[in-house]
Amino acid sequence: MPPNLAQVLNTLAHEIRTPLSVSQGYLKLFLDGRLTNVDDTRRAMEQTRQALGALATLCVDMGKISALAEHGATGVPATVPAADFIANLRSLDELKDAAWDGDLAATRAVQSSNARELAQAIAIAAKAAFDEDRDAPRTLRAEAGDDLIVLAGTAVALPSLQAGPAAPNARAVDFSKGGKGLKLIWASFVLDRHGVQTWTDAQHRASVGFRIPLVQA
């Protein structure tokens, strides 16, 4: 399930705090006359510009979350062969450094009104898991049977993650954790709209599994 309103607001407050503090800090230095040369002033204004840009991005992301929560998915549902969906997923920047393996059945397909958006949500959630251990090799496994299973994690984590969301070590994914911006919360709404199950392994934080419903192609 996506984060509730309290979790969304708490994450938003957390994400706003840093760029707002940066902007206020540099503006105070400027107003106090402590930026004594052109180079210092330019660096401070550039940092302020970047911080304000981060705030603008948060506003855009919040608008996307609000629209999705209020109206849900739009457009006419279409089917995308599982192999094509994975090819799309593999092309996304968030997963460009990951090694892939798996076996995809050509007779099954993902049904979605926006398959690109669904792939983006999976990529965002997978990258957030990978970022829990930035030095570990990134591996993804995709298998299509009655459902499309996508597993993201280290080679050590994948066997236990493959046991599924009902496994003893399986845990719900925390989509509201701070430091990830609001894109992870947006991803949780998209995944929920598509009926995608997600889980992680308690012993391997840098891991996440996705079970995506498939239909006959």
Protein backbone atom coordinates (compact mmCIF):
# COMPACT_ATOMS: atom_id res chain seq x y z
CA MET A 1 0.00 0.00 0.00
CA PRO A 2 1.18 3.57 -0.66
CA PRO A 3 2.16 5.72 2.33
CA ASN A 4 -0.71 7.37 4.19
CA LEU A 5 -1.21 11.13 4.41
CA ALA A 6 0.82 11.48 7.61
CA GLN A 7 3.77 9.61 6.06
CA VAL A 8 3.61 11.69 2.88
CA LEU A 9 3.57 14.95 4.84
CA ASN A 10 6.40 13.79 7.09
CA THR A 11 8.52 12.84 4.07
CA LEU A 12 7.71 16.15 2.37
CA ALA A 13 8.77 18.09 5.49
CA HIS A 14 12.01 16.10 5.62
CA GLU A 15 12.80 16.71 1.96
CA ILE A 16 12.00 20.45 2.13
CA ARG A 17 14.17 21.07 5.18
CA THR A 18 17.60 20.72 3.55
CA PRO A 19 17.19 22.92 0.44
CA LEU A 20 15.28 25.49 2.48
CA SER A 21 18.05 25.63 5.08
CA VAL A 22 20.69 25.95 2.35
CA SER A 23 18.83 28.84 0.71
CA GLN A 24 18.29 30.66 4.00
CA GLY A 25 21.92 30.16 5.04
CA TYR A 26 23.46 31.59 1.89
CA LEU A 27 21.01 34.49 1.77
CA LYS A 28 21.86 35.35 5.37
CA LEU A 29 25.59 35.36 4.52
CA PHE A 30 24.86 37.73 1.64
CA LEU A 31 22.67 40.08 3.69
CA ASP A 32 25.20 40.12 6.54
CA GLY A 33 27.90 41.20 4.10
CA ARG A 34 30.03 38.11 4.69
CA LEU A 35 30.44 37.28 1.03
CA THR A 36 33.39 39.55 0.44
CA ASN A 37 34.27 38.86 -3.19
CA VAL A 38 32.64 38.06 -6.50
CA ASP A 39 33.68 34.39 -6.52
CA ASP A 40 32.24 33.72 -3.05
CA THR A 41 29.01 35.47 -4.01
CA ARG A 42 28.73 33.52 -7.26
CA ARG A 43 29.25 30.18 -5.50
CA ALA A 44 26.69 31.07 -2.85
CA MET A 45 24.12 32.13 -5.43
CA GLU A 46 24.71 28.96 -7.45
CA GLN A 47 24.14 26.81 -4.34
CA THR A 48 21.00 28.82 -3.60
CA ARG A 49 19.80 28.35 -7.19
CA GLN A 50 20.28 24.59 -6.94
CA ALA A 51 18.46 24.44 -3.60
CA LEU A 52 15.52 26.40 -4.99
CA GLY A 53 15.50 24.07 -7.99
CA ALA A 54 15.21 21.11 -5.61
CA LEU A 55 12.21 22.79 -3.98
CA ALA A 56 10.62 23.33 -7.39
CA THR A 57 11.14 19.63 -8.20
CA LEU A 58 9.44 18.67 -4.93
CA CYS A 59 6.44 20.82 -5.92
CA VAL A 60 6.22 19.05 -9.30
CA ASP A 61 6.47 15.63 -7.66
CA MET A 62 3.82 16.55 -5.09
CA GLY A 63 1.50 17.61 -7.91
CA LYS A 64 2.01 14.24 -9.66
CA ILE A 65 1.28 12.36 -6.43
CA SER A 66 -1.82 14.44 -5.79
CA ALA A 67 -3.16 13.87 -9.31
CA LEU A 68 -2.50 10.14 -9.14
CA ALA A 69 -4.08 9.78 -5.70
CA GLU A 70 -7.17 11.73 -6.78
CA HIS A 71 -7.76 10.48 -10.31
CA GLY A 72 -5.73 7.30 -10.65
CA ALA A 73 -4.42 6.04 -13.97
CA THR A 74 -5.72 7.60 -17.16
CA GLY A 75 -5.76 6.32 -20.71
CA VAL A 76 -6.91 3.14 -22.42
CA PRO A 77 -5.36 -0.07 -21.04
CA ALA A 78 -3.09 -1.82 -23.51
CA THR A 79 -1.02 -4.99 -23.37
CA VAL A 80 2.75 -5.03 -23.67
CA PRO A 81 4.57 -8.37 -24.10
CA ALA A 82 6.55 -9.21 -20.96
CA ALA A 83 9.82 -9.32 -22.93
CA ASP A 84 9.16 -5.83 -24.37
CA PHE A 85 8.27 -4.49 -20.93
CA ILE A 86 11.56 -5.78 -19.50
CA ALA A 87 13.48 -4.34 -22.46
CA ASN A 88 11.90 -0.97 -21.67
CA LEU A 89 12.79 -1.37 -18.00
CA ARG A 90 16.40 -2.21 -18.84
CA SER A 91 16.73 0.99 -20.89
CA LEU A 92 15.99 3.32 -17.97
CA ASP A 93 18.83 5.34 -16.47
CA GLU A 94 18.16 4.17 -12.91
CA LEU A 95 19.09 0.59 -13.88
CA LYS A 96 21.79 1.18 -16.48
CA ASP A 97 24.55 -0.27 -14.24
CA ALA A 98 22.67 -3.45 -13.32
CA ALA A 99 23.43 -6.94 -14.59
CA TRP A 100 20.35 -8.82 -15.85
CA ASP A 101 19.34 -12.44 -16.14
CA GLY A 102 16.11 -14.39 -16.35
CA ASP A 103 13.64 -16.25 -18.53
CA LEU A 104 10.62 -14.57 -20.11
CA ALA A 105 7.62 -16.35 -21.61
CA ALA A 106 6.58 -14.77 -24.90
CA THR A 107 2.89 -15.60 -24.45
CA ARG A 108 2.24 -13.33 -21.47
CA ALA A 109 1.87 -9.55 -21.32
CA VAL A 110 1.65 -6.64 -18.91
CA GLN A 111 -1.63 -4.72 -19.09
CA SER A 112 -1.42 -1.03 -18.34
CA SER A 113 -2.73 2.34 -19.46
CA ASN A 114 0.84 3.62 -19.14
CA ALA A 115 3.46 0.85 -19.27
CA ARG A 116 6.30 3.38 -19.41
CA GLU A 117 5.11 4.92 -16.16
CA LEU A 118 4.90 1.49 -14.52
CA ALA A 119 8.44 0.65 -15.65
CA GLN A 120 9.66 3.99 -14.28
CA ALA A 121 8.05 3.26 -10.91
CA ILE A 122 9.78 -0.14 -10.72
CA ALA A 123 13.11 1.42 -11.69
CA ILE A 124 12.80 4.11 -9.01
CA ALA A 125 11.98 1.56 -6.31
CA ALA A 126 14.79 -0.76 -7.42
CA LYS A 127 17.33 2.08 -7.41
CA ALA A 128 16.23 3.11 -3.91
CA ALA A 129 16.92 -0.44 -2.75
CA PHE A 130 20.29 -0.56 -4.51
CA ASP A 131 21.28 2.73 -2.87
CA GLU A 132 21.12 1.04 0.53
CA ASP A 133 24.47 -0.56 -0.41
CA ARG A 134 26.10 1.57 -3.09
CA ASP A 135 29.23 -0.59 -3.34
CA ALA A 136 27.47 -3.91 -3.97
CA PRO A 137 27.07 -5.20 -7.56
CA ARG A 138 23.57 -4.52 -8.88
CA THR A 139 21.74 -7.56 -10.20
CA LEU A 140 18.21 -7.90 -11.54
CA ARG A 141 16.39 -11.09 -12.40
CA ALA A 142 13.17 -11.25 -14.43
CA GLU A 143 10.97 -14.33 -14.85
CA ALA A 144 7.53 -14.55 -16.42
CA GLY A 145 5.03 -17.26 -15.60
CA ASP A 146 1.51 -16.51 -14.43
CA ASP A 147 3.01 -13.25 -13.11
CA LEU A 148 6.10 -11.26 -14.00
CA ILE A 149 8.63 -11.44 -11.16
CA VAL A 150 11.40 -8.84 -11.04
CA LEU A 151 14.01 -9.17 -8.30
CA ALA A 152 16.60 -6.50 -7.58
CA GLY A 153 19.52 -6.98 -5.22
CA THR A 154 22.93 -8.52 -4.77
CA ALA A 155 23.67 -12.08 -5.88
CA VAL A 156 23.64 -13.09 -2.20
CA ALA A 157 20.22 -11.53 -1.62
CA LEU A 158 18.40 -12.90 -4.69
CA PRO A 159 17.87 -16.51 -3.50
CA SER A 160 16.12 -15.46 -0.28
CA LEU A 161 14.27 -12.65 -2.06
CA GLN A 162 13.00 -15.17 -4.62
CA ALA A 163 11.11 -16.97 -1.84
CA GLY A 164 8.47 -14.27 -2.27
CA PRO A 165 6.46 -11.87 -0.09
CA ALA A 166 5.21 -14.71 2.17
CA ALA A 167 8.73 -15.87 3.12
CA PRO A 168 9.72 -15.63 6.81
CA ASN A 169 12.31 -12.92 6.13
CA ALA A 170 10.10 -10.92 3.76
CA ARG A 171 9.13 -7.42 4.84
CA ALA A 172 6.99 -4.64 3.39
CA VAL A 173 8.89 -1.96 1.48
CA ASP A 174 9.03 1.41 3.25
CA PHE A 175 8.18 3.87 0.50
CA SER A 176 8.12 6.85 2.88
CA LYS A 177 11.75 6.77 4.04
CA GLY A 178 13.49 10.11 3.88
CA GLY A 179 16.39 11.06 1.65
CA LYS A 180 14.74 9.68 -1.49
CA GLY A 181 12.65 12.67 -2.46
CA LEU A 182 9.02 12.20 -3.35
CA LYS A 183 9.64 10.05 -6.42
CA LEU A 184 9.61 6.90 -4.29
CA ILE A 185 6.19 7.82 -2.90
CA TRP A 186 4.93 8.51 -6.44
CA ALA A 187 6.27 5.09 -7.46
CA SER A 188 4.34 3.43 -4.63
CA PHE A 189 1.06 4.90 -5.90
CA VAL A 190 1.78 3.74 -9.47
CA LEU A 191 2.66 0.22 -8.29
CA ASP A 192 -0.47 0.05 -6.14
CA ARG A 193 -2.67 1.14 -9.07
CA HIS A 194 -1.27 -1.74 -11.12
CA GLY A 195 -1.73 -4.32 -8.37
CA VAL A 196 2.03 -4.89 -8.06
CA GLN A 197 3.17 -6.67 -4.91
CA THR A 198 6.48 -5.52 -3.44
CA TRP A 199 8.69 -6.95 -0.71
CA THR A 200 12.21 -6.82 0.63
CA ASP A 201 14.34 -9.27 2.60
CA ALA A 202 14.98 -8.32 6.23
CA GLN A 203 18.55 -9.61 6.05
CA HIS A 204 19.36 -7.71 2.86
CA ARG A 205 18.14 -4.12 2.86
CA ALA A 206 19.53 -3.53 -0.62
CA SER A 207 16.90 -5.76 -2.20
CA VAL A 208 13.35 -5.52 -3.49
CA GLY A 209 10.98 -7.86 -5.30
CA PHE A 210 8.05 -7.05 -7.61
CA ARG A 211 5.19 -9.36 -8.63
CA ILE A 212 3.40 -7.84 -11.63
CA PRO A 213 0.12 -9.35 -12.88
CA LEU A 214 0.22 -10.69 -16.43
CA VAL A 215 -2.49 -11.39 -18.97
CA GLN A 216 -2.53 -13.53 -22.12
CA ALA A 217 -0.77 -11.70 -24.94
